[in-house]
């Protein structure tokens, strides 16, 4: 799979977020990812390839990060633990990713 464009959307409620345009109507977003594992624009991936890694719960050095854990430490978006949030959009409407992913 070759992504037409890849962007780092910044730190949003989804923490570090990668958005990738697959074609003119399909876009995927990976949220709460690790900032040290960001693919470059035009990256090609074979089946089973590592695209990114789940990010750490706590991230530091982000100016005005509003997200904090119960101890006041800055977090990777609105989260209580490490996880990956996957969103697949078809013509800008969220769809079930299983429609495109093989089981």
N, C-alpha and C. Protein backbone atom coordinates (compact mmCIF):
# COMPACT_ATOMS: atom_id res chain seq x y z
N UNK A 1 0.85 -1.16 0.00
CA UNK A 1 0.00 0.00 0.00
C UNK A 1 0.89 1.23 0.00
N UNK A 2 0.62 2.18 -0.83
CA UNK A 2 1.36 3.44 -0.86
C UNK A 2 0.40 4.55 -0.46
N UNK A 3 0.79 5.31 0.55
CA UNK A 3 -0.03 6.44 0.96
C UNK A 3 0.29 7.62 0.05
N UNK A 4 -0.76 8.29 -0.45
CA UNK A 4 -0.56 9.46 -1.29
C UNK A 4 0.01 10.63 -0.50
N UNK A 5 -0.42 10.74 0.75
CA UNK A 5 0.12 11.79 1.61
C UNK A 5 0.03 11.35 3.06
N UNK A 6 1.00 11.76 3.83
CA UNK A 6 1.03 11.46 5.26
C UNK A 6 1.32 12.76 5.98
N UNK A 7 0.58 13.00 7.07
CA UNK A 7 0.83 14.21 7.83
C UNK A 7 0.80 13.90 9.32
N UNK A 8 1.54 14.68 10.07
CA UNK A 8 1.46 14.64 11.52
C UNK A 8 0.50 15.75 11.89
N UNK A 9 -0.66 15.37 12.39
CA UNK A 9 -1.69 16.35 12.69
C UNK A 9 -1.42 17.10 13.99
N UNK A 10 -0.40 16.70 14.71
CA UNK A 10 -0.07 17.35 15.96
C UNK A 10 -0.65 16.61 17.13
N UNK A 11 -0.67 17.27 18.26
CA UNK A 11 -1.21 16.66 19.47
C UNK A 11 -2.62 17.18 19.66
N UNK A 12 -3.57 16.31 19.41
CA UNK A 12 -4.98 16.62 19.54
C UNK A 12 -5.54 15.77 20.67
N UNK A 13 -6.85 15.64 20.76
CA UNK A 13 -7.44 14.74 21.75
C UNK A 13 -6.94 13.32 21.52
N UNK A 14 -6.56 13.02 20.27
CA UNK A 14 -6.01 11.71 19.93
C UNK A 14 -4.52 11.63 20.11
N UNK A 15 -3.94 12.60 20.82
CA UNK A 15 -2.50 12.59 21.03
C UNK A 15 -1.77 12.80 19.71
N UNK A 16 -0.56 12.25 19.62
CA UNK A 16 0.16 12.32 18.35
C UNK A 16 -0.65 11.56 17.32
N UNK A 17 -0.97 12.23 16.22
CA UNK A 17 -1.87 11.66 15.22
C UNK A 17 -1.24 11.68 13.84
N UNK A 18 -1.31 10.54 13.16
CA UNK A 18 -0.88 10.43 11.76
C UNK A 18 -2.14 10.27 10.92
N UNK A 19 -2.23 11.06 9.86
CA UNK A 19 -3.31 10.88 8.89
C UNK A 19 -2.68 10.51 7.56
N UNK A 20 -3.27 9.54 6.90
CA UNK A 20 -2.73 9.08 5.62
C UNK A 20 -3.85 8.99 4.60
N UNK A 21 -3.63 9.61 3.47
CA UNK A 21 -4.58 9.52 2.36
C UNK A 21 -4.18 8.33 1.51
N UNK A 22 -5.07 7.36 1.41
CA UNK A 22 -4.77 6.14 0.66
C UNK A 22 -5.09 6.34 -0.82
N UNK A 23 -6.21 6.97 -1.09
CA UNK A 23 -6.59 7.33 -2.45
C UNK A 23 -7.51 8.54 -2.36
N UNK A 24 -8.19 8.89 -3.45
CA UNK A 24 -8.99 10.10 -3.45
C UNK A 24 -10.22 10.05 -2.55
N UNK A 25 -10.61 8.86 -2.08
CA UNK A 25 -11.80 8.78 -1.23
C UNK A 25 -11.56 8.09 0.11
N UNK A 26 -10.37 7.57 0.35
CA UNK A 26 -10.12 6.79 1.56
C UNK A 26 -8.97 7.39 2.37
N UNK A 27 -9.22 7.63 3.66
CA UNK A 27 -8.22 8.21 4.55
C UNK A 27 -8.22 7.42 5.86
N UNK A 28 -7.04 7.23 6.42
CA UNK A 28 -6.90 6.52 7.69
C UNK A 28 -6.16 7.42 8.67
N UNK A 29 -6.57 7.36 9.93
CA UNK A 29 -5.89 8.10 10.99
C UNK A 29 -5.49 7.14 12.09
N UNK A 30 -4.27 7.30 12.57
CA UNK A 30 -3.75 6.53 13.69
C UNK A 30 -3.49 7.53 14.81
N UNK A 31 -4.15 7.35 15.94
CA UNK A 31 -4.02 8.30 17.05
C UNK A 31 -3.32 7.66 18.24
N UNK A 32 -2.69 8.50 19.06
CA UNK A 32 -1.92 8.10 20.24
C UNK A 32 -0.66 7.32 19.82
N UNK A 33 -0.05 7.73 18.72
CA UNK A 33 1.13 7.03 18.21
C UNK A 33 2.41 7.59 18.84
N UNK A 34 3.49 6.86 18.65
CA UNK A 34 4.79 7.24 19.21
C UNK A 34 5.44 8.28 18.29
N UNK A 35 5.85 9.42 18.83
CA UNK A 35 6.44 10.46 17.98
C UNK A 35 7.76 10.06 17.33
N UNK A 36 8.43 9.03 17.85
CA UNK A 36 9.70 8.60 17.26
C UNK A 36 9.53 7.61 16.12
N UNK A 37 8.30 7.19 15.84
CA UNK A 37 8.04 6.21 14.77
C UNK A 37 7.03 6.78 13.79
N UNK A 38 7.46 7.77 13.03
CA UNK A 38 6.58 8.44 12.08
C UNK A 38 7.02 8.08 10.66
N UNK A 39 6.10 7.56 9.84
CA UNK A 39 6.46 7.26 8.45
C UNK A 39 6.64 8.56 7.66
N UNK A 40 7.39 8.49 6.58
CA UNK A 40 7.59 9.67 5.75
C UNK A 40 6.59 9.67 4.59
N UNK A 41 6.39 10.83 4.01
CA UNK A 41 5.46 10.98 2.89
C UNK A 41 5.88 10.07 1.74
N UNK A 42 4.89 9.37 1.18
CA UNK A 42 5.15 8.47 0.07
C UNK A 42 5.63 7.09 0.49
N UNK A 43 5.64 6.84 1.80
CA UNK A 43 6.09 5.54 2.29
C UNK A 43 5.23 4.42 1.73
N UNK A 44 5.86 3.32 1.38
CA UNK A 44 5.15 2.13 0.90
C UNK A 44 5.26 1.06 1.98
N UNK A 45 4.19 0.34 2.20
CA UNK A 45 4.17 -0.69 3.23
C UNK A 45 3.70 -2.00 2.65
N UNK A 46 4.42 -3.06 2.97
CA UNK A 46 3.99 -4.40 2.59
C UNK A 46 3.10 -4.93 3.70
N UNK A 47 2.32 -5.94 3.39
CA UNK A 47 1.46 -6.56 4.38
C UNK A 47 2.31 -7.00 5.57
N UNK A 48 1.88 -6.62 6.75
CA UNK A 48 2.59 -6.98 7.97
C UNK A 48 3.69 -6.01 8.37
N UNK A 49 3.92 -4.96 7.58
CA UNK A 49 4.97 -3.99 7.89
C UNK A 49 4.58 -3.11 9.07
N UNK A 50 5.58 -2.66 9.80
CA UNK A 50 5.37 -1.73 10.89
C UNK A 50 5.14 -0.33 10.31
N UNK A 51 4.02 0.27 10.63
CA UNK A 51 3.73 1.63 10.17
C UNK A 51 4.14 2.62 11.25
N UNK A 52 3.77 2.34 12.47
CA UNK A 52 4.13 3.17 13.62
C UNK A 52 4.04 2.29 14.86
N UNK A 53 4.23 2.88 16.00
CA UNK A 53 4.08 2.16 17.27
C UNK A 53 3.13 2.94 18.17
N UNK A 54 2.51 2.23 19.08
CA UNK A 54 1.66 2.89 20.06
C UNK A 54 2.55 3.78 20.91
N UNK A 55 2.09 4.99 21.12
CA UNK A 55 2.89 5.95 21.86
C UNK A 55 2.85 5.74 23.36
N UNK A 56 3.73 6.43 24.06
CA UNK A 56 3.75 6.35 25.51
C UNK A 56 2.56 7.11 26.10
N UNK A 57 2.19 6.73 27.31
CA UNK A 57 1.11 7.46 27.98
C UNK A 57 1.54 8.89 28.24
N UNK A 58 2.73 9.08 28.76
CA UNK A 58 3.20 10.42 29.11
C UNK A 58 4.16 10.94 28.06
N UNK A 59 3.94 12.18 27.65
CA UNK A 59 4.81 12.86 26.69
C UNK A 59 5.18 14.22 27.27
N UNK A 60 6.40 14.62 27.03
CA UNK A 60 6.89 15.87 27.60
C UNK A 60 7.40 16.77 26.48
N UNK A 61 7.50 18.05 26.77
CA UNK A 61 8.07 18.99 25.81
C UNK A 61 7.08 19.53 24.79
N UNK A 62 5.79 19.33 25.02
CA UNK A 62 4.77 19.86 24.11
C UNK A 62 4.19 21.11 24.74
N UNK A 63 4.41 22.24 24.12
CA UNK A 63 3.94 23.52 24.65
C UNK A 63 2.41 23.55 24.69
N UNK A 64 1.85 23.93 25.81
CA UNK A 64 0.40 24.09 26.01
C UNK A 64 -0.39 22.79 25.84
N UNK A 65 0.20 21.66 26.16
CA UNK A 65 -0.54 20.39 26.10
C UNK A 65 -1.57 20.39 27.23
N UNK A 66 -2.87 20.39 26.90
CA UNK A 66 -3.91 20.46 27.94
C UNK A 66 -4.20 19.12 28.61
N UNK A 67 -3.64 18.03 28.10
CA UNK A 67 -3.98 16.71 28.60
C UNK A 67 -3.01 16.26 29.69
N UNK A 68 -3.58 15.91 30.86
CA UNK A 68 -2.78 15.50 32.01
C UNK A 68 -3.39 14.26 32.65
N UNK A 69 -2.54 13.44 33.29
CA UNK A 69 -3.06 12.31 34.04
C UNK A 69 -3.41 12.77 35.46
N UNK A 70 -3.83 11.84 36.29
CA UNK A 70 -4.26 12.19 37.65
C UNK A 70 -3.13 12.75 38.51
N UNK A 71 -1.90 12.53 38.10
CA UNK A 71 -0.75 13.07 38.82
C UNK A 71 -0.27 14.40 38.25
N UNK A 72 -0.96 14.90 37.21
CA UNK A 72 -0.58 16.16 36.60
C UNK A 72 0.47 16.04 35.52
N UNK A 73 0.86 14.82 35.15
CA UNK A 73 1.86 14.62 34.10
C UNK A 73 1.20 14.70 32.73
N UNK A 74 1.87 15.30 31.74
CA UNK A 74 1.27 15.45 30.41
C UNK A 74 1.10 14.10 29.71
N UNK A 75 -0.06 13.91 29.08
CA UNK A 75 -0.34 12.64 28.40
C UNK A 75 -0.39 12.82 26.89
N UNK A 76 -0.40 11.70 26.19
CA UNK A 76 -0.44 11.63 24.72
C UNK A 76 -1.90 11.73 24.26
N UNK A 77 -2.52 12.85 24.55
CA UNK A 77 -3.93 13.06 24.21
C UNK A 77 -4.83 12.66 25.36
N UNK A 78 -6.13 12.59 25.07
CA UNK A 78 -7.12 12.22 26.08
C UNK A 78 -7.09 10.71 26.26
N UNK A 79 -6.35 10.24 27.24
CA UNK A 79 -6.18 8.80 27.43
C UNK A 79 -5.85 8.49 28.88
N UNK A 80 -6.10 7.25 29.28
CA UNK A 80 -5.73 6.79 30.61
C UNK A 80 -4.69 5.68 30.54
N UNK A 81 -4.39 5.21 29.34
CA UNK A 81 -3.40 4.17 29.15
C UNK A 81 -3.02 4.07 27.68
N UNK A 82 -1.99 3.33 27.39
CA UNK A 82 -1.49 3.20 26.02
C UNK A 82 -2.46 2.39 25.17
N UNK A 83 -2.77 2.90 24.00
CA UNK A 83 -3.62 2.20 23.04
C UNK A 83 -3.51 2.91 21.69
N UNK A 84 -4.00 2.27 20.66
CA UNK A 84 -4.04 2.86 19.32
C UNK A 84 -5.49 3.10 18.95
N UNK A 85 -5.77 4.27 18.44
CA UNK A 85 -7.11 4.61 17.96
C UNK A 85 -7.02 4.67 16.43
N UNK A 86 -7.77 3.83 15.76
CA UNK A 86 -7.76 3.74 14.30
C UNK A 86 -9.09 4.27 13.76
N UNK A 87 -9.03 5.20 12.84
CA UNK A 87 -10.22 5.71 12.18
C UNK A 87 -10.03 5.59 10.68
N UNK A 88 -11.01 5.02 10.01
CA UNK A 88 -10.99 4.89 8.56
C UNK A 88 -12.17 5.68 8.02
N UNK A 89 -11.89 6.59 7.09
CA UNK A 89 -12.96 7.42 6.51
C UNK A 89 -13.03 7.19 5.02
N UNK A 90 -14.25 7.00 4.55
CA UNK A 90 -14.55 6.84 3.13
C UNK A 90 -15.38 8.05 2.74
N UNK A 91 -14.86 8.88 1.84
CA UNK A 91 -15.51 10.14 1.47
C UNK A 91 -15.85 10.96 2.70
N UNK A 92 -14.89 11.07 3.61
CA UNK A 92 -14.98 11.86 4.84
C UNK A 92 -16.02 11.38 5.84
N UNK A 93 -16.49 10.14 5.70
CA UNK A 93 -17.44 9.56 6.64
C UNK A 93 -16.78 8.33 7.27
N UNK A 94 -16.79 8.26 8.60
CA UNK A 94 -16.19 7.12 9.30
C UNK A 94 -16.90 5.83 8.92
N UNK A 95 -16.10 4.80 8.63
CA UNK A 95 -16.64 3.48 8.27
C UNK A 95 -15.96 2.41 9.12
N UNK A 96 -16.57 1.25 9.15
CA UNK A 96 -16.01 0.11 9.87
C UNK A 96 -14.73 -0.34 9.16
N UNK A 97 -13.58 -0.31 9.84
CA UNK A 97 -12.33 -0.71 9.18
C UNK A 97 -12.32 -2.16 8.72
N UNK A 98 -13.16 -3.00 9.33
CA UNK A 98 -13.20 -4.40 8.92
C UNK A 98 -13.69 -4.56 7.49
N UNK A 99 -14.33 -3.51 6.97
CA UNK A 99 -14.74 -3.53 5.57
C UNK A 99 -13.52 -3.64 4.65
N UNK A 100 -12.38 -3.13 5.10
CA UNK A 100 -11.16 -3.11 4.30
C UNK A 100 -10.06 -4.03 4.81
N UNK A 101 -10.11 -4.38 6.09
CA UNK A 101 -9.07 -5.22 6.67
C UNK A 101 -9.49 -6.68 6.62
N UNK A 102 -8.57 -7.53 6.22
CA UNK A 102 -8.86 -8.96 6.20
C UNK A 102 -8.78 -9.49 7.61
N UNK A 103 -9.66 -10.43 7.92
CA UNK A 103 -9.66 -11.03 9.26
C UNK A 103 -8.61 -12.10 9.36
